[in-house]
């Protein structure tokens, strides 16, 4: 059973459509009890880091998420803000995250803001070698974000992309996967990525 975590800040409808097309059994998770019954999780997210952490706290999901990811070590995929929440800290709200990945989230610092707008919106290349999520080492995915992960202290970088300068667009730490782009909005390549994640 695949769980989609719903804390009011994720585009779960697009993810549900992708899972329907893949003929995968899934459930929308809003309580710790629902979360515990899942075999794998998708943690989506669009919006403000600090507000997202507050929503997860209000729904009493923080402890259940830690148990799922760190104790039971079941597969979990963070998408966009969901990926950022997996890190230790974000400049957006100046708050700690879930702390599963030893890095922090910073705002894009482009040299020419007239040429490269922030947020970074649109299709961009995602490159990764020996990636368990990417069938093709160089693929195009859809992005919408103003913040990105710094290079982690651990060797867990899965994908890189470039927007003014290279940034981390995906990481993997055992059962924890994070992608900055939106596979649910990225057509066939996004479908393949979700399918590969669900095969773990």
C-alpha atoms as a PDB file:
ATOM      1  CA  UNK A   1       0.000   0.000   0.000  1.00  0.00           C
ATOM      2  CA  UNK A   2       1.369   3.400  -1.052  1.00  0.00           C
ATOM      3  CA  UNK A   3       0.525   6.366   1.153  1.00  0.00           C
ATOM      4  CA  UNK A   4       0.310   9.975  -0.041  1.00  0.00           C
ATOM      5  CA  UNK A   5       0.827  12.286   2.933  1.00  0.00           C
ATOM      6  CA  UNK A   6      -1.799  15.037   2.910  1.00  0.00           C
ATOM      7  CA  UNK A   7      -1.016  17.944   5.216  1.00  0.00           C
ATOM      8  CA  UNK A   8      -2.719  20.597   3.114  1.00  0.00           C
ATOM      9  CA  UNK A   9       0.324  21.768   1.148  1.00  0.00           C
ATOM     10  CA  UNK A  10       0.853  19.181  -1.568  1.00  0.00           C
ATOM     11  CA  UNK A  11      -0.455  18.684  -5.078  1.00  0.00           C
ATOM     12  CA  UNK A  12      -1.843  15.258  -4.286  1.00  0.00           C
ATOM     13  CA  UNK A  13      -4.323  15.192  -7.192  1.00  0.00           C
ATOM     14  CA  UNK A  14      -1.565  14.935  -9.817  1.00  0.00           C
ATOM     15  CA  UNK A  15       0.136  12.197  -7.815  1.00  0.00           C
ATOM     16  CA  UNK A  16      -3.140  10.290  -7.472  1.00  0.00           C
ATOM     17  CA  UNK A  17      -3.621  10.450 -11.246  1.00  0.00           C
ATOM     18  CA  UNK A  18      -0.155   9.021 -11.843  1.00  0.00           C
ATOM     19  CA  UNK A  19      -0.761   6.156  -9.402  1.00  0.00           C
ATOM     20  CA  UNK A  20      -4.133   5.445 -11.022  1.00  0.00           C
ATOM     21  CA  UNK A  21      -2.401   5.162 -14.400  1.00  0.00           C
ATOM     22  CA  UNK A  22       0.162   2.807 -12.892  1.00  0.00           C
ATOM     23  CA  UNK A  23      -2.690   0.724 -11.400  1.00  0.00           C
ATOM     24  CA  UNK A  24      -1.123   1.025  -7.950  1.00  0.00           C
ATOM     25  CA  UNK A  25      -3.147   0.687  -4.763  1.00  0.00           C
ATOM     26  CA  UNK A  26      -2.779   3.835  -2.661  1.00  0.00           C
ATOM     27  CA  UNK A  27      -4.341   5.768   0.187  1.00  0.00           C
ATOM     28  CA  UNK A  28      -4.294   9.401   1.285  1.00  0.00           C
ATOM     29  CA  UNK A  29      -2.678   9.638   4.724  1.00  0.00           C
ATOM     30  CA  UNK A  30      -3.691  12.253   7.296  1.00  0.00           C
ATOM     31  CA  UNK A  31      -3.214  10.459  10.632  1.00  0.00           C
ATOM     32  CA  UNK A  32      -0.398   8.494  12.304  1.00  0.00           C
ATOM     33  CA  UNK A  33      -2.552   5.349  12.227  1.00  0.00           C
ATOM     34  CA  UNK A  34      -3.087   5.617   8.459  1.00  0.00           C
ATOM     35  CA  UNK A  35       0.620   6.239   7.937  1.00  0.00           C
ATOM     36  CA  UNK A  36       1.647   3.162   9.919  1.00  0.00           C
ATOM     37  CA  UNK A  37      -0.359   0.866   7.632  1.00  0.00           C
ATOM     38  CA  UNK A  38       1.568   1.890   4.485  1.00  0.00           C
ATOM     39  CA  UNK A  39       4.442   0.023   2.833  1.00  0.00           C
ATOM     40  CA  UNK A  40       5.872   3.138   1.154  1.00  0.00           C
ATOM     41  CA  UNK A  41       5.155   6.874   1.307  1.00  0.00           C
ATOM     42  CA  UNK A  42       5.133   9.888  -0.972  1.00  0.00           C
ATOM     43  CA  UNK A  43       5.627  13.211   0.834  1.00  0.00           C
ATOM     44  CA  UNK A  44       4.615  15.994  -1.575  1.00  0.00           C
ATOM     45  CA  UNK A  45       4.710  19.708  -0.896  1.00  0.00           C
ATOM     46  CA  UNK A  46       4.228  23.154  -2.374  1.00  0.00           C
ATOM     47  CA  UNK A  47       4.684  26.324  -0.343  1.00  0.00           C
ATOM     48  CA  UNK A  48       6.466  27.578   2.759  1.00  0.00           C
ATOM     49  CA  UNK A  49       8.893  25.310   4.667  1.00  0.00           C
ATOM     50  CA  UNK A  50       8.042  26.637   8.127  1.00  0.00           C
ATOM     51  CA  UNK A  51       4.315  26.401   7.557  1.00  0.00           C
ATOM     52  CA  UNK A  52       4.689  22.841   6.256  1.00  0.00           C
ATOM     53  CA  UNK A  53       6.554  21.713   9.381  1.00  0.00           C
ATOM     54  CA  UNK A  54       3.854  23.346  11.502  1.00  0.00           C
ATOM     55  CA  UNK A  55       1.103  21.519   9.583  1.00  0.00           C
ATOM     56  CA  UNK A  56       2.844  18.159  10.075  1.00  0.00           C
ATOM     57  CA  UNK A  57       3.166  18.929  13.786  1.00  0.00           C
ATOM     58  CA  UNK A  58      -0.514  19.905  14.077  1.00  0.00           C
ATOM     59  CA  UNK A  59      -1.529  16.593  12.473  1.00  0.00           C
ATOM     60  CA  UNK A  60       0.734  14.682  14.914  1.00  0.00           C
ATOM     61  CA  UNK A  61       2.621  13.193  11.964  1.00  0.00           C
ATOM     62  CA  UNK A  62       6.197  14.071  12.918  1.00  0.00           C
ATOM     63  CA  UNK A  63       6.824  11.103  15.236  1.00  0.00           C
ATOM     64  CA  UNK A  64       5.045   8.693  12.870  1.00  0.00           C
ATOM     65  CA  UNK A  65       7.142   9.916   9.934  1.00  0.00           C
ATOM     66  CA  UNK A  66      10.350   9.430  11.927  1.00  0.00           C
ATOM     67  CA  UNK A  67       9.316   5.890  12.848  1.00  0.00           C
ATOM     68  CA  UNK A  68       8.411   5.091   9.244  1.00  0.00           C
ATOM     69  CA  UNK A  69      11.643   6.446   7.742  1.00  0.00           C
ATOM     70  CA  UNK A  70      14.273   5.963  10.443  1.00  0.00           C
ATOM     71  CA  UNK A  71      13.099   3.019  12.548  1.00  0.00           C
ATOM     72  CA  UNK A  72      11.149   0.841  10.118  1.00  0.00           C
ATOM     73  CA  UNK A  73      13.245   2.099   7.166  1.00  0.00           C
ATOM     74  CA  UNK A  74      10.403   1.886   4.669  1.00  0.00           C
ATOM     75  CA  UNK A  75      10.779   3.700   1.307  1.00  0.00           C
ATOM     76  CA  UNK A  76       9.722   7.346   1.303  1.00  0.00           C
ATOM     77  CA  UNK A  77       9.883   9.820  -1.593  1.00  0.00           C
ATOM     78  CA  UNK A  78       9.880  13.570  -0.921  1.00  0.00           C
ATOM     79  CA  UNK A  79       8.807  15.790  -3.819  1.00  0.00           C
ATOM     80  CA  UNK A  80       9.779  19.497  -4.043  1.00  0.00           C
ATOM     81  CA  UNK A  81       8.985  20.946  -0.602  1.00  0.00           C
ATOM     82  CA  UNK A  82       8.657  17.350   0.598  1.00  0.00           C
ATOM     83  CA  UNK A  83      12.321  16.816  -0.292  1.00  0.00           C
ATOM     84  CA  UNK A  84      13.325  20.004   1.526  1.00  0.00           C
ATOM     85  CA  UNK A  85      11.484  18.927   4.679  1.00  0.00           C
ATOM     86  CA  UNK A  86      13.767  15.885   4.887  1.00  0.00           C
ATOM     87  CA  UNK A  87      16.807  18.077   5.546  1.00  0.00           C
ATOM     88  CA  UNK A  88      18.146  19.556   8.780  1.00  0.00           C
ATOM     89  CA  UNK A  89      17.231  23.242   8.308  1.00  0.00           C
ATOM     90  CA  UNK A  90      15.825  25.808   5.889  1.00  0.00           C
ATOM     91  CA  UNK A  91      16.424  29.522   5.418  1.00  0.00           C
ATOM     92  CA  UNK A  92      12.714  29.735   4.579  1.00  0.00           C
ATOM     93  CA  UNK A  93      11.313  30.274   8.053  1.00  0.00           C
ATOM     94  CA  UNK A  94      14.678  29.616   9.750  1.00  0.00           C
ATOM     95  CA  UNK A  95      13.346  26.370  11.200  1.00  0.00           C
ATOM     96  CA  UNK A  96      14.670  22.814  11.563  1.00  0.00           C
ATOM     97  CA  UNK A  97      13.346  20.102   9.269  1.00  0.00           C
ATOM     98  CA  UNK A  98      12.926  16.376   9.768  1.00  0.00           C
ATOM     99  CA  UNK A  99      16.704  15.959   9.878  1.00  0.00           C
ATOM    100  CA  UNK A 100      16.997  12.753   7.867  1.00  0.00           C
ATOM    101  CA  UNK A 101      19.605  14.264   5.525  1.00  0.00           C
ATOM    102  CA  UNK A 102      22.534  16.309   6.840  1.00  0.00           C
ATOM    103  CA  UNK A 103      22.217  19.430   4.727  1.00  0.00           C
ATOM    104  CA  UNK A 104      20.237  22.664   4.699  1.00  0.00           C
ATOM    105  CA  UNK A 105      17.940  24.488   2.292  1.00  0.00           C
ATOM    106  CA  UNK A 106      19.015  27.866   0.892  1.00  0.00           C
ATOM    107  CA  UNK A 107      17.436  30.409  -1.439  1.00  0.00           C
ATOM    108  CA  UNK A 108      18.724  30.684  -5.017  1.00  0.00           C
ATOM    109  CA  UNK A 109      21.447  33.313  -5.294  1.00  0.00           C
ATOM    110  CA  UNK A 110      21.573  34.076  -9.019  1.00  0.00           C
ATOM    111  CA  UNK A 111      23.980  36.723 -10.306  1.00  0.00           C
ATOM    112  CA  UNK A 112      21.510  38.329 -12.711  1.00  0.00           C
ATOM    113  CA  UNK A 113      17.941  38.214 -11.311  1.00  0.00           C
ATOM    114  CA  UNK A 114      16.608  39.872 -14.475  1.00  0.00           C
ATOM    115  CA  UNK A 115      17.954  37.065 -16.625  1.00  0.00           C
ATOM    116  CA  UNK A 116      17.256  34.195 -14.227  1.00  0.00           C
ATOM    117  CA  UNK A 117      14.035  34.723 -12.313  1.00  0.00           C
ATOM    118  CA  UNK A 118      13.419  33.256  -8.891  1.00  0.00           C
ATOM    119  CA  UNK A 119      11.431  31.094  -8.444  1.00  0.00           C
ATOM    120  CA  UNK A 120      12.933  28.704 -10.946  1.00  0.00           C
ATOM    121  CA  UNK A 121       9.921  27.578 -12.992  1.00  0.00           C
ATOM    122  CA  UNK A 122       9.891  25.282 -15.994  1.00  0.00           C
ATOM    123  CA  UNK A 123      11.595  22.288 -17.538  1.00  0.00           C
ATOM    124  CA  UNK A 124      15.229  21.602 -16.739  1.00  0.00           C
ATOM    125  CA  UNK A 125      17.715  18.790 -17.183  1.00  0.00           C
ATOM    126  CA  UNK A 126      18.250  16.328 -14.351  1.00  0.00           C
ATOM    127  CA  UNK A 127      21.489  14.353 -14.497  1.00  0.00           C
ATOM    128  CA  UNK A 128      22.478  11.403 -12.355  1.00  0.00           C
ATOM    129  CA  UNK A 129      24.867   8.505 -12.674  1.00  0.00           C
ATOM    130  CA  UNK A 130      24.017   5.044 -11.310  1.00  0.00           C
ATOM    131  CA  UNK A 131      20.654   6.392 -10.220  1.00  0.00           C
ATOM    132  CA  UNK A 132      18.075   3.926  -8.978  1.00  0.00           C
ATOM    133  CA  UNK A 133      15.311   6.418  -9.791  1.00  0.00           C
ATOM    134  CA  UNK A 134      16.339   7.580 -13.265  1.00  0.00           C
ATOM    135  CA  UNK A 135      16.198   5.159 -16.172  1.00  0.00           C
ATOM    136  CA  UNK A 136      17.973   7.771 -18.324  1.00  0.00           C
ATOM    137  CA  UNK A 137      21.072   9.492 -16.827  1.00  0.00           C
ATOM    138  CA  UNK A 138      19.931  12.791 -18.399  1.00  0.00           C
ATOM    139  CA  UNK A 139      16.211  13.603 -18.373  1.00  0.00           C
ATOM    140  CA  UNK A 140      13.953  16.654 -18.437  1.00  0.00           C
ATOM    141  CA  UNK A 141      11.687  17.342 -15.442  1.00  0.00           C
ATOM    142  CA  UNK A 142       9.414  20.175 -14.360  1.00  0.00           C
ATOM    143  CA  UNK A 143      10.550  22.495 -11.527  1.00  0.00           C
ATOM    144  CA  UNK A 144       8.844  25.158  -9.392  1.00  0.00           C
ATOM    145  CA  UNK A 145      11.024  26.339  -6.486  1.00  0.00           C
ATOM    146  CA  UNK A 146      12.916  29.266  -4.962  1.00  0.00           C
ATOM    147  CA  UNK A 147      15.060  27.215  -2.568  1.00  0.00           C
ATOM    148  CA  UNK A 148      17.355  24.232  -3.020  1.00  0.00           C
ATOM    149  CA  UNK A 149      19.507  21.884  -0.974  1.00  0.00           C
ATOM    150  CA  UNK A 150      23.159  22.665  -0.371  1.00  0.00           C
ATOM    151  CA  UNK A 151      25.671  19.927  -1.170  1.00  0.00           C
ATOM    152  CA  UNK A 152      25.223  17.432   1.694  1.00  0.00           C
ATOM    153  CA  UNK A 153      28.077  16.407   3.943  1.00  0.00           C
ATOM    154  CA  UNK A 154      27.244  12.786   3.102  1.00  0.00           C
ATOM    155  CA  UNK A 155      27.802  11.166  -0.298  1.00  0.00           C
ATOM    156  CA  UNK A 156      24.104  10.871  -1.080  1.00  0.00           C
ATOM    157  CA  UNK A 157      23.705  13.123  -4.130  1.00  0.00           C
ATOM    158  CA  UNK A 158      21.486  11.383  -6.653  1.00  0.00           C
ATOM    159  CA  UNK A 159      20.792  14.099  -9.236  1.00  0.00           C
ATOM    160  CA  UNK A 160      22.138  17.512 -10.191  1.00  0.00           C
ATOM    161  CA  UNK A 161      20.657  20.314 -12.272  1.00  0.00           C
ATOM    162  CA  UNK A 162      21.801  23.818 -13.221  1.00  0.00           C
ATOM    163  CA  UNK A 163      20.049  27.159 -12.815  1.00  0.00           C
ATOM    164  CA  UNK A 164      22.701  29.861 -12.864  1.00  0.00           C
ATOM    165  CA  UNK A 165      24.912  27.367 -11.041  1.00  0.00           C
ATOM    166  CA  UNK A 166      24.721  23.619 -10.284  1.00  0.00           C
ATOM    167  CA  UNK A 167      22.381  22.583  -7.482  1.00  0.00           C
ATOM    168  CA  UNK A 168      21.240  19.318  -5.926  1.00  0.00           C
ATOM    169  CA  UNK A 169      17.996  18.172  -7.528  1.00  0.00           C
ATOM    170  CA  UNK A 170      17.846  14.748  -5.893  1.00  0.00           C
ATOM    171  CA  UNK A 171      19.321  12.758  -3.034  1.00  0.00           C
ATOM    172  CA  UNK A 172      19.129   9.221  -1.693  1.00  0.00           C
ATOM    173  CA  UNK A 173      19.962   7.933   1.788  1.00  0.00           C
ATOM    174  CA  UNK A 174      19.113   4.263   2.208  1.00  0.00           C
ATOM    175  CA  UNK A 175      15.305   4.241   2.033  1.00  0.00           C
ATOM    176  CA  UNK A 176      14.911   8.037   1.905  1.00  0.00           C
ATOM    177  CA  UNK A 177      14.628   9.651  -1.543  1.00  0.00           C
ATOM    178  CA  UNK A 178      14.145  13.332  -2.329  1.00  0.00           C
ATOM    179  CA  UNK A 179      13.617  15.084  -5.673  1.00  0.00           C
ATOM    180  CA  UNK A 180      13.355  18.845  -6.089  1.00  0.00           C
ATOM    181  CA  UNK A 181      11.384  18.583  -9.326  1.00  0.00           C
ATOM    182  CA  UNK A 182       7.814  17.366  -9.856  1.00  0.00           C
ATOM    183  CA  UNK A 183       7.672  13.862 -11.387  1.00  0.00           C
ATOM    184  CA  UNK A 184       3.868  13.983 -11.180  1.00  0.00           C
ATOM    185  CA  UNK A 185       3.944  16.892 -13.678  1.00  0.00           C
ATOM    186  CA  UNK A 186       6.725  15.507 -15.864  1.00  0.00           C
ATOM    187  CA  UNK A 187       4.878  13.220 -18.279  1.00  0.00           C
ATOM    188  CA  UNK A 188       6.375   9.836 -19.137  1.00  0.00           C
ATOM    189  CA  UNK A 189       9.741  10.346 -17.449  1.00  0.00           C
ATOM    190  CA  UNK A 190       7.933  11.274 -14.247  1.00  0.00           C
ATOM    191  CA  UNK A 191       5.786   8.173 -14.508  1.00  0.00           C
ATOM    192  CA  UNK A 192       8.900   6.019 -14.910  1.00  0.00           C
ATOM    193  CA  UNK A 193      10.548   7.607 -11.874  1.00  0.00           C
ATOM    194  CA  UNK A 194       7.525   6.949  -9.647  1.00  0.00           C
ATOM    195  CA  UNK A 195       7.311   3.402 -10.963  1.00  0.00           C
ATOM    196  CA  UNK A 196      10.991   2.777 -10.185  1.00  0.00           C
ATOM    197  CA  UNK A 197      10.555   4.187  -6.661  1.00  0.00           C
ATOM    198  CA  UNK A 198       7.598   1.874  -6.009  1.00  0.00           C
ATOM    199  CA  UNK A 199       9.718  -1.112  -7.056  1.00  0.00           C
ATOM    200  CA  UNK A 200      12.015  -0.707  -4.004  1.00  0.00           C
END
